[in-house]
Amino acid sequence: MDRDDEQLLRRRVYGADHDQPGPRPDRDYAELVGPLDGLLLDTTGWRPEEIDDGVSLLTELGQFGPGGRALYDPRPGDSARWDWGGDSP
């Protein structure tokens, strides 16, 4: 395991409890870039069209507070990083 793999395994996964272990080596993840910066989104088993559609993630950190959503889309040319596109209620 190289240094980048070790750093990945110490990170938190979006939606996981704080006391749960980090990412697993047998899963696929995308790094969130924006208000949820550094969290990993588990994309294991997602079809290409699901990835292309992006996601709307529940968060308390956005403009709309608890129950609001942060919108993320895969970065063109780098589907391992997903960029924030704004908030929605």
PDB file of N, CA and C in Angstrom:
ATOM      1  N   MET A   1       0.854  -1.174   0.000  1.00  0.00           N
ATOM      2  CA  MET A   1       0.000   0.000   0.000  1.00  0.00           C
ATOM      3  C   MET A   1       0.898   1.235   0.000  1.00  0.00           C
ATOM      4  N   ASP A   2       0.660   2.149  -0.943  1.00  0.00           N
ATOM      5  CA  ASP A   2       1.491   3.353  -0.986  1.00  0.00           C
ATOM      6  C   ASP A   2       0.888   4.441  -0.100  1.00  0.00           C
ATOM      7  N   ARG A   3       1.612   5.557   0.006  1.00  0.00           N
ATOM      8  CA  ARG A   3       1.206   6.640   0.919  1.00  0.00           C
ATOM      9  C   ARG A   3      -0.166   7.210   0.570  1.00  0.00           C
ATOM     10  N   ASP A   4      -0.474   7.370  -0.738  1.00  0.00           N
ATOM     11  CA  ASP A   4      -1.784   7.893  -1.143  1.00  0.00           C
ATOM     12  C   ASP A   4      -2.908   6.963  -0.696  1.00  0.00           C
ATOM     13  N   ASP A   5      -2.699   5.650  -0.804  1.00  0.00           N
ATOM     14  CA  ASP A   5      -3.700   4.691  -0.360  1.00  0.00           C
ATOM     15  C   ASP A   5      -3.907   4.789   1.150  1.00  0.00           C
ATOM     16  N   GLU A   6      -2.829   4.963   1.896  1.00  0.00           N
ATOM     17  CA  GLU A   6      -2.934   5.076   3.352  1.00  0.00           C
ATOM     18  C   GLU A   6      -3.724   6.323   3.745  1.00  0.00           C
ATOM     19  N   GLN A   7      -3.478   7.443   3.052  1.00  0.00           N
ATOM     20  CA  GLN A   7      -4.214   8.678   3.353  1.00  0.00           C
ATOM     21  C   GLN A   7      -5.697   8.508   3.034  1.00  0.00           C
ATOM     22  N   LEU A   8      -6.012   7.838   1.925  1.00  0.00           N
ATOM     23  CA  LEU A   8      -7.397   7.604   1.545  1.00  0.00           C
ATOM     24  C   LEU A   8      -8.117   6.809   2.624  1.00  0.00           C
ATOM     25  N   LEU A   9      -7.474   5.799   3.170  1.00  0.00           N
ATOM     26  CA  LEU A   9      -8.118   4.920   4.140  1.00  0.00           C
ATOM     27  C   LEU A   9      -8.369   5.606   5.485  1.00  0.00           C
ATOM     28  N   ARG A  10      -7.769   6.760   5.744  1.00  0.00           N
ATOM     29  CA  ARG A  10      -8.005   7.503   6.988  1.00  0.00           C
ATOM     30  C   ARG A  10      -9.151   8.495   6.867  1.00  0.00           C
ATOM     31  N   ARG A  11      -9.712   8.668   5.692  1.00  0.00           N
ATOM     32  CA  ARG A  11     -10.725   9.681   5.443  1.00  0.00           C
ATOM     33  C   ARG A  11     -12.106   9.201   5.860  1.00  0.00           C
ATOM     34  N   ARG A  12     -13.049  10.138   5.947  1.00  0.00           N
ATOM     35  CA  ARG A  12     -14.439   9.818   6.307  1.00  0.00           C
ATOM     36  C   ARG A  12     -15.289   9.698   5.052  1.00  0.00           C
ATOM     37  N   VAL A  13     -16.277   8.849   5.151  1.00  0.00           N
ATOM     38  CA  VAL A  13     -17.205   8.612   4.057  1.00  0.00           C
ATOM     39  C   VAL A  13     -18.514   9.343   4.352  1.00  0.00           C
ATOM     40  N   TYR A  14     -19.036  10.081   3.373  1.00  0.00           N
ATOM     41  CA  TYR A  14     -20.305  10.789   3.529  1.00  0.00           C
ATOM     42  C   TYR A  14     -21.381   9.792   3.954  1.00  0.00           C
ATOM     43  N   GLY A  15     -22.160  10.161   4.968  1.00  0.00           N
ATOM     44  CA  GLY A  15     -23.266   9.338   5.427  1.00  0.00           C
ATOM     45  C   GLY A  15     -22.897   8.296   6.458  1.00  0.00           C
ATOM     46  N   ALA A  16     -21.604   8.073   6.678  1.00  0.00           N
ATOM     47  CA  ALA A  16     -21.175   7.088   7.674  1.00  0.00           C
ATOM     48  C   ALA A  16     -21.154   7.738   9.055  1.00  0.00           C
ATOM     49  N   ASP A  17     -21.409   6.952  10.088  1.00  0.00           N
ATOM     50  CA  ASP A  17     -21.307   7.450  11.454  1.00  0.00           C
ATOM     51  C   ASP A  17     -19.867   7.821  11.758  1.00  0.00           C
ATOM     52  N   HIS A  18     -19.689   8.771  12.674  1.00  0.00           N
ATOM     53  CA  HIS A  18     -18.344   9.235  13.029  1.00  0.00           C
ATOM     54  C   HIS A  18     -17.469   8.124  13.580  1.00  0.00           C
ATOM     55  N   ASP A  19     -18.079   7.141  14.219  1.00  0.00           N
ATOM     56  CA  ASP A  19     -17.280   6.072  14.814  1.00  0.00           C
ATOM     57  C   ASP A  19     -17.054   4.889  13.871  1.00  0.00           C
ATOM     58  N   GLN A  20     -17.594   4.952  12.652  1.00  0.00           N
ATOM     59  CA  GLN A  20     -17.376   3.873  11.690  1.00  0.00           C
ATOM     60  C   GLN A  20     -16.008   4.023  11.048  1.00  0.00           C
ATOM     61  N   PRO A  21     -15.424   2.898  10.668  1.00  0.00           N
ATOM     62  CA  PRO A  21     -14.124   2.984  10.000  1.00  0.00           C
ATOM     63  C   PRO A  21     -14.251   3.736   8.670  1.00  0.00           C
ATOM     64  N   GLY A  22     -13.130   4.196   8.169  1.00  0.00           N
ATOM     65  CA  GLY A  22     -13.104   4.952   6.922  1.00  0.00           C
ATOM     66  C   GLY A  22     -13.407   4.102   5.713  1.00  0.00           C
ATOM     67  N   PRO A  23     -12.995   4.563   4.561  1.00  0.00           N
ATOM     68  CA  PRO A  23     -13.295   3.858   3.321  1.00  0.00           C
ATOM     69  C   PRO A  23     -12.675   2.460   3.295  1.00  0.00           C
ATOM     70  N   ARG A  24     -13.307   1.590   2.539  1.00  0.00           N
ATOM     71  CA  ARG A  24     -12.823   0.227   2.398  1.00  0.00           C
ATOM     72  C   ARG A  24     -12.134   0.075   1.047  1.00  0.00           C
ATOM     73  N   PRO A  25     -11.094  -0.722   0.974  1.00  0.00           N
ATOM     74  CA  PRO A  25     -10.351  -0.862  -0.280  1.00  0.00           C
ATOM     75  C   PRO A  25     -11.152  -1.536  -1.395  1.00  0.00           C
ATOM     76  N   ASP A  26     -12.239  -2.219  -1.063  1.00  0.00           N
ATOM     77  CA  ASP A  26     -13.030  -2.909  -2.080  1.00  0.00           C
ATOM     78  C   ASP A  26     -14.190  -2.059  -2.604  1.00  0.00           C
ATOM     79  N   ARG A  27     -14.220  -0.774  -2.273  1.00  0.00           N
ATOM     80  CA  ARG A  27     -15.284   0.125  -2.701  1.00  0.00           C
ATOM     81  C   ARG A  27     -14.708   1.235  -3.582  1.00  0.00           C
ATOM     82  N   ASP A  28     -15.583   1.891  -4.363  1.00  0.00           N
ATOM     83  CA  ASP A  28     -15.195   3.023  -5.209  1.00  0.00           C
ATOM     84  C   ASP A  28     -15.696   4.306  -4.557  1.00  0.00           C
ATOM     85  N   TYR A  29     -14.849   5.331  -4.554  1.00  0.00           N
ATOM     86  CA  TYR A  29     -15.200   6.594  -3.908  1.00  0.00           C
ATOM     87  C   TYR A  29     -14.858   7.774  -4.809  1.00  0.00           C
ATOM     88  N   ALA A  30     -15.610   8.857  -4.622  1.00  0.00           N
ATOM     89  CA  ALA A  30     -15.306  10.137  -5.240  1.00  0.00           C
ATOM     90  C   ALA A  30     -15.078  11.131  -4.101  1.00  0.00           C
ATOM     91  N   GLU A  31     -14.081  11.990  -4.249  1.00  0.00           N
ATOM     92  CA  GLU A  31     -13.795  13.013  -3.242  1.00  0.00           C
ATOM     93  C   GLU A  31     -14.671  14.233  -3.495  1.00  0.00           C
ATOM     94  N   LEU A  32     -15.342  14.726  -2.453  1.00  0.00           N
ATOM     95  CA  LEU A  32     -16.179  15.912  -2.573  1.00  0.00           C
ATOM     96  C   LEU A  32     -15.330  17.165  -2.382  1.00  0.00           C
ATOM     97  N   VAL A  33     -15.516  18.146  -3.279  1.00  0.00           N
ATOM     98  CA  VAL A  33     -14.761  19.393  -3.240  1.00  0.00           C
ATOM     99  C   VAL A  33     -15.764  20.539  -3.108  1.00  0.00           C
ATOM    100  N   GLY A  34     -15.732  21.226  -1.983  1.00  0.00           N
ATOM    101  CA  GLY A  34     -16.682  22.299  -1.703  1.00  0.00           C
ATOM    102  C   GLY A  34     -16.997  22.300  -0.220  1.00  0.00           C
ATOM    103  N   PRO A  35     -18.251  22.637   0.169  1.00  0.00           N
ATOM    104  CA  PRO A  35     -18.591  22.686   1.593  1.00  0.00           C
ATOM    105  C   PRO A  35     -18.368  21.360   2.326  1.00  0.00           C
ATOM    106  N   LEU A  36     -18.515  20.254   1.647  1.00  0.00           N
ATOM    107  CA  LEU A  36     -18.276  18.942   2.259  1.00  0.00           C
ATOM    108  C   LEU A  36     -16.873  18.448   1.903  1.00  0.00           C
ATOM    109  N   ASP A  37     -15.988  19.395   1.716  1.00  0.00           N
ATOM    110  CA  ASP A  37     -14.620  19.157   1.254  1.00  0.00           C
ATOM    111  C   ASP A  37     -13.931  18.023   2.001  1.00  0.00           C
ATOM    112  N   GLY A  38     -13.400  17.097   1.227  1.00  0.00           N
ATOM    113  CA  GLY A  38     -12.620  16.017   1.804  1.00  0.00           C
ATOM    114  C   GLY A  38     -13.411  14.766   2.132  1.00  0.00           C
ATOM    115  N   LEU A  39     -14.737  14.886   2.257  1.00  0.00           N
ATOM    116  CA  LEU A  39     -15.527  13.679   2.477  1.00  0.00           C
ATOM    117  C   LEU A  39     -15.510  12.837   1.208  1.00  0.00           C
ATOM    118  N   LEU A  40     -15.673  11.550   1.374  1.00  0.00           N
ATOM    119  CA  LEU A  40     -15.709  10.635   0.241  1.00  0.00           C
ATOM    120  C   LEU A  40     -17.135  10.152   0.023  1.00  0.00           C
ATOM    121  N   LEU A  41     -17.553  10.089  -1.223  1.00  0.00           N
ATOM    122  CA  LEU A  41     -18.870   9.597  -1.599  1.00  0.00           C
ATOM    123  C   LEU A  41     -18.699   8.201  -2.171  1.00  0.00           C
ATOM    124  N   ASP A  42     -19.369   7.229  -1.583  1.00  0.00           N
ATOM    125  CA  ASP A  42     -19.282   5.839  -2.052  1.00  0.00           C
ATOM    126  C   ASP A  42     -20.090   5.712  -3.341  1.00  0.00           C
ATOM    127  N   THR A  43     -19.416   5.441  -4.446  1.00  0.00           N
ATOM    128  CA  THR A  43     -20.069   5.309  -5.750  1.00  0.00           C
ATOM    129  C   THR A  43     -20.015   3.874  -6.260  1.00  0.00           C
ATOM    130  N   THR A  44     -19.739   2.944  -5.381  1.00  0.00           N
ATOM    131  CA  THR A  44     -19.646   1.540  -5.777  1.00  0.00           C
ATOM    132  C   THR A  44     -20.960   1.085  -6.408  1.00  0.00           C
ATOM    133  N   GLY A  45     -20.862   0.511  -7.590  1.00  0.00           N
ATOM    134  CA  GLY A  45     -22.031  -0.030  -8.278  1.00  0.00           C
ATOM    135  C   GLY A  45     -22.866   0.981  -9.032  1.00  0.00           C
ATOM    136  N   TRP A  46     -22.486   2.245  -9.020  1.00  0.00           N
ATOM    137  CA  TRP A  46     -23.251   3.254  -9.755  1.00  0.00           C
ATOM    138  C   TRP A  46     -23.046   3.068 -11.254  1.00  0.00           C
ATOM    139  N   ARG A  47     -24.119   3.206 -12.011  1.00  0.00           N
ATOM    140  CA  ARG A  47     -24.028   3.161 -13.472  1.00  0.00           C
ATOM    141  C   ARG A  47     -23.471   4.498 -13.972  1.00  0.00           C
ATOM    142  N   PRO A  48     -22.841   4.507 -15.149  1.00  0.00           N
ATOM    143  CA  PRO A  48     -22.276   5.762 -15.683  1.00  0.00           C
ATOM    144  C   PRO A  48     -23.287   6.903 -15.738  1.00  0.00           C
ATOM    145  N   GLU A  49     -24.534   6.606 -16.092  1.00  0.00           N
ATOM    146  CA  GLU A  49     -25.533   7.682 -16.174  1.00  0.00           C
ATOM    147  C   GLU A  49     -25.884   8.227 -14.788  1.00  0.00           C
ATOM    148  N   GLU A  50     -25.807   7.398 -13.753  1.00  0.00           N
ATOM    149  CA  GLU A  50     -26.039   7.888 -12.393  1.00  0.00           C
ATOM    150  C   GLU A  50     -24.912   8.829 -11.974  1.00  0.00           C
ATOM    151  N   ILE A  51     -23.696   8.488 -12.336  1.00  0.00           N
ATOM    152  CA  ILE A  51     -22.554   9.352 -12.024  1.00  0.00           C
ATOM    153  C   ILE A  51     -22.683  10.665 -12.790  1.00  0.00           C
ATOM    154  N   ASP A  52     -23.033  10.595 -14.062  1.00  0.00           N
ATOM    155  CA  ASP A  52     -23.177  11.807 -14.881  1.00  0.00           C
ATOM    156  C   ASP A  52     -24.234  12.753 -14.323  1.00  0.00           C
ATOM    157  N   ASP A  53     -25.280  12.204 -13.679  1.00  0.00           N
ATOM    158  CA  ASP A  53     -26.368  13.025 -13.134  1.00  0.00           C
ATOM    159  C   ASP A  53     -25.945  13.817 -11.896  1.00  0.00           C
ATOM    160  N   GLY A  54     -24.879  13.384 -11.215  1.00  0.00           N
ATOM    161  CA  GLY A  54     -24.472  14.050  -9.986  1.00  0.00           C
ATOM    162  C   GLY A  54     -25.403  13.672  -8.842  1.00  0.00           C
ATOM    163  N   VAL A  55     -25.239  14.364  -7.702  1.00  0.00           N
ATOM    164  CA  VAL A  55     -26.020  14.019  -6.514  1.00  0.00           C
ATOM    165  C   VAL A  55     -26.487  15.258  -5.766  1.00  0.00           C
ATOM    166  N   SER A  56     -27.501  15.054  -4.951  1.00  0.00           N
ATOM    167  CA  SER A  56     -28.032  16.052  -4.039  1.00  0.00           C
ATOM    168  C   SER A  56     -27.908  15.432  -2.648  1.00  0.00           C
ATOM    169  N   LEU A  57     -26.981  15.933  -1.833  1.00  0.00           N
ATOM    170  CA  LEU A  57     -26.658  15.325  -0.546  1.00  0.00           C
ATOM    171  C   LEU A  57     -27.211  16.138   0.613  1.00  0.00           C
ATOM    172  N   LEU A  58     -27.881  15.463   1.524  1.00  0.00           N
ATOM    173  CA  LEU A  58     -28.369  16.140   2.740  1.00  0.00           C
ATOM    174  C   LEU A  58     -27.188  16.679   3.538  1.00  0.00           C
ATOM    175  N   THR A  59     -27.330  17.919   4.002  1.00  0.00           N
ATOM    176  CA  THR A  59     -26.290  18.516   4.827  1.00  0.00           C
ATOM    177  C   THR A  59     -26.874  19.622   5.693  1.00  0.00           C
ATOM    178  N   GLU A  60     -26.280  19.818   6.840  1.00  0.00           N
ATOM    179  CA  GLU A  60     -26.667  20.934   7.711  1.00  0.00           C
ATOM    180  C   GLU A  60     -25.757  22.130   7.488  1.00  0.00           C
ATOM    181  N   LEU A  61     -24.745  21.967   6.644  1.00  0.00           N
ATOM    182  CA  LEU A  61     -23.738  22.998   6.450  1.00  0.00           C
ATOM    183  C   LEU A  61     -24.076  24.017   5.373  1.00  0.00           C
ATOM    184  N   GLY A  62     -25.115  23.780   4.602  1.00  0.00           N
ATOM    185  CA  GLY A  62     -25.404  24.642   3.470  1.00  0.00           C
ATOM    186  C   GLY A  62     -26.235  25.863   3.801  1.00  0.00           C
ATOM    187  N   GLN A  63     -26.576  26.582   2.775  1.00  0.00           N
ATOM    188  CA  GLN A  63     -27.339  27.819   2.863  1.00  0.00           C
ATOM    189  C   GLN A  63     -28.695  27.622   3.532  1.00  0.00           C
ATOM    190  N   PHE A  64     -29.294  26.433   3.403  1.00  0.00           N
ATOM    191  CA  PHE A  64     -30.646  26.200   3.898  1.00  0.00           C
ATOM    192  C   PHE A  64     -30.675  25.479   5.249  1.00  0.00           C
ATOM    193  N   GLY A  65     -29.504  25.289   5.866  1.00  0.00           N
ATOM    194  CA  GLY A  65     -29.437  24.680   7.190  1.00  0.00           C
ATOM    195  C   GLY A  65     -29.890  23.232   7.200  1.00  0.00           C
ATOM    196  N   PRO A  66     -30.312  22.746   8.381  1.00  0.00           N
ATOM    197  CA  PRO A  66     -30.733  21.342   8.485  1.00  0.00           C
ATOM    198  C   PRO A  66     -31.817  20.997   7.462  1.00  0.00           C
ATOM    199  N   GLY A  67     -31.643  19.881   6.791  1.00  0.00           N
ATOM    200  CA  GLY A  67     -32.594  19.449   5.770  1.00  0.00           C
ATOM    201  C   GLY A  67     -32.261  19.975   4.388  1.00  0.00           C
ATOM    202  N   GLY A  68     -31.319  20.917   4.306  1.00  0.00           N
ATOM    203  CA  GLY A  68     -30.900  21.423   3.005  1.00  0.00           C
ATOM    204  C   GLY A  68     -30.025  20.401   2.287  1.00  0.00           C
ATOM    205  N   ARG A  69     -29.736  20.694   1.051  1.00  0.00           N
ATOM    206  CA  ARG A  69     -28.937  19.779   0.235  1.00  0.00           C
ATOM    207  C   ARG A  69     -27.798  20.531  -0.447  1.00  0.00           C
ATOM    208  N   ALA A  70     -26.696  19.816  -0.602  1.00  0.00           N
ATOM    209  CA  ALA A  70     -25.555  20.321  -1.365  1.00  0.00           C
ATOM    210  C   ALA A  70     -25.515  19.538  -2.678  1.00  0.00           C
ATOM    211  N   LEU A  71     -25.391  20.259  -3.780  1.00  0.00           N
ATOM    212  CA  LEU A  71     -25.400  19.649  -5.106  1.00  0.00           C
ATOM    213  C   LEU A  71     -23.965  19.441  -5.591  1.00  0.00           C
ATOM    214  N   TYR A  72     -23.664  18.243  -6.031  1.00  0.00           N
ATOM    215  CA  TYR A  72     -22.323  17.902  -6.500  1.00  0.00           C
ATOM    216  C   TYR A  72     -22.399  17.196  -7.846  1.00  0.00           C
ATOM    217  N   ASP A  73     -21.439  17.527  -8.719  1.00  0.00           N
ATOM    218  CA  ASP A  73     -21.318  16.879 -10.025  1.00  0.00           C
ATOM    219  C   ASP A  73     -19.877  16.442 -10.230  1.00  0.00           C
ATOM    220  N   PRO A  74     -19.686  15.341 -10.981  1.00  0.00           N
ATOM    221  CA  PRO A  74     -18.316  14.910 -11.249  1.00  0.00           C
ATOM    222  C   PRO A  74     -17.559  15.981 -12.034  1.00  0.00           C
ATOM    223  N   ARG A  75     -16.312  16.148 -11.691  1.00  0.00           N
ATOM    224  CA  ARG A  75     -15.461  17.121 -12.383  1.00  0.00           C
ATOM    225  C   ARG A  75     -15.177  16.615 -13.794  1.00  0.00           C
ATOM    226  N   PRO A  76     -15.380  17.439 -14.811  1.00  0.00           N
ATOM    227  CA  PRO A  76     -15.078  17.004 -16.179  1.00  0.00           C
ATOM    228  C   PRO A  76     -13.625  16.531 -16.289  1.00  0.00           C
ATOM    229  N   GLY A  77     -13.465  15.331 -16.791  1.00  0.00           N
ATOM    230  CA  GLY A  77     -12.132  14.775 -16.971  1.00  0.00           C
ATOM    231  C   GLY A  77     -11.535  14.151 -15.724  1.00  0.00           C
ATOM    232  N   ASP A  78     -12.238  14.214 -14.584  1.00  0.00           N
ATOM    233  CA  ASP A  78     -11.718  13.654 -13.330  1.00  0.00           C
ATOM    234  C   ASP A  78     -12.894  13.212 -12.454  1.00  0.00           C
ATOM    235  N   SER A  79     -13.485  12.075 -12.783  1.00  0.00           N
ATOM    236  CA  SER A  79     -14.674  11.622 -12.065  1.00  0.00           C
ATOM    237  C   SER A  79     -14.376  11.173 -10.635  1.00  0.00           C
ATOM    238  N   ALA A  80     -13.107  11.181 -10.237  1.00  0.00           N
ATOM    239  CA  ALA A  80     -12.748  10.856  -8.855  1.00  0.00           C
ATOM    240  C   ALA A  80     -12.933  12.067  -7.936  1.00  0.00           C
ATOM    241  N   ARG A  81     -13.183  13.247  -8.501  1.00  0.00           N
ATOM    242  CA  ARG A  81     -13.408  14.468  -7.710  1.00  0.00           C
ATOM    243  C   ARG A  81     -14.727  15.077  -8.171  1.00  0.00           C
ATOM    244  N   TRP A  82     -15.600  15.372  -7.218  1.00  0.00           N
ATOM    245  CA  TRP A  82     -16.906  15.945  -7.514  1.00  0.00           C
ATOM    246  C   TRP A  82     -16.960  17.348  -6.940  1.00  0.00           C
ATOM    247  N   ASP A  83     -17.336  18.304  -7.767  1.00  0.00           N
ATOM    248  CA  ASP A  83     -17.365  19.708  -7.376  1.00  0.00           C
ATOM    249  C   ASP A  83     -18.772  20.144  -6.956  1.00  0.00           C
ATOM    250  N   TRP A  84     -18.786  21.021  -5.953  1.00  0.00           N
ATOM    251  CA  TRP A  84     -20.022  21.594  -5.441  1.00  0.00           C
ATOM    252  C   TRP A  84     -20.597  22.545  -6.476  1.00  0.00           C
ATOM    253  N   GLY A  85     -21.905  22.476  -6.678  1.00  0.00           N
ATOM    254  CA  GLY A  85     -22.570  23.349  -7.634  1.00  0.00           C
ATOM    255  C   GLY A  85     -23.571  24.287  -7.003  1.00  0.00           C
ATOM    256  N   GLY A  86     -23.741  24.222  -5.690  1.00  0.00           N
ATOM    257  CA  GLY A  86     -24.680  25.095  -5.000  1.00  0.00           C
ATOM    258  C   GLY A  86     -25.495  24.316  -3.978  1.00  0.00           C
ATOM    259  N   ASP A  87     -26.442  25.021  -3.364  1.00  0.00           N
ATOM    260  CA  ASP A  87     -27.312  24.426  -2.345  1.00  0.00           C
ATOM    261  C   ASP A  87     -28.755  24.490  -2.822  1.00  0.00           C
ATOM    262  N   SER A  88     -29.578  23.599  -2.259  1.00  0.00           N
ATOM    263  CA  SER A  88     -31.015  23.658  -2.535  1.00  0.00           C
ATOM    264  C   SER A  88     -31.758  23.314  -1.237  1.00  0.00           C
ATOM    265  N   PRO A  89     -33.004  23.760  -1.138  1.00  0.00           N
ATOM    266  CA  PRO A  89     -33.770  23.466   0.085  1.00  0.00           C
ATOM    267  C   PRO A  89     -34.154  21.989   0.155  1.00  0.00           C
TER     268      PRO A  89
END
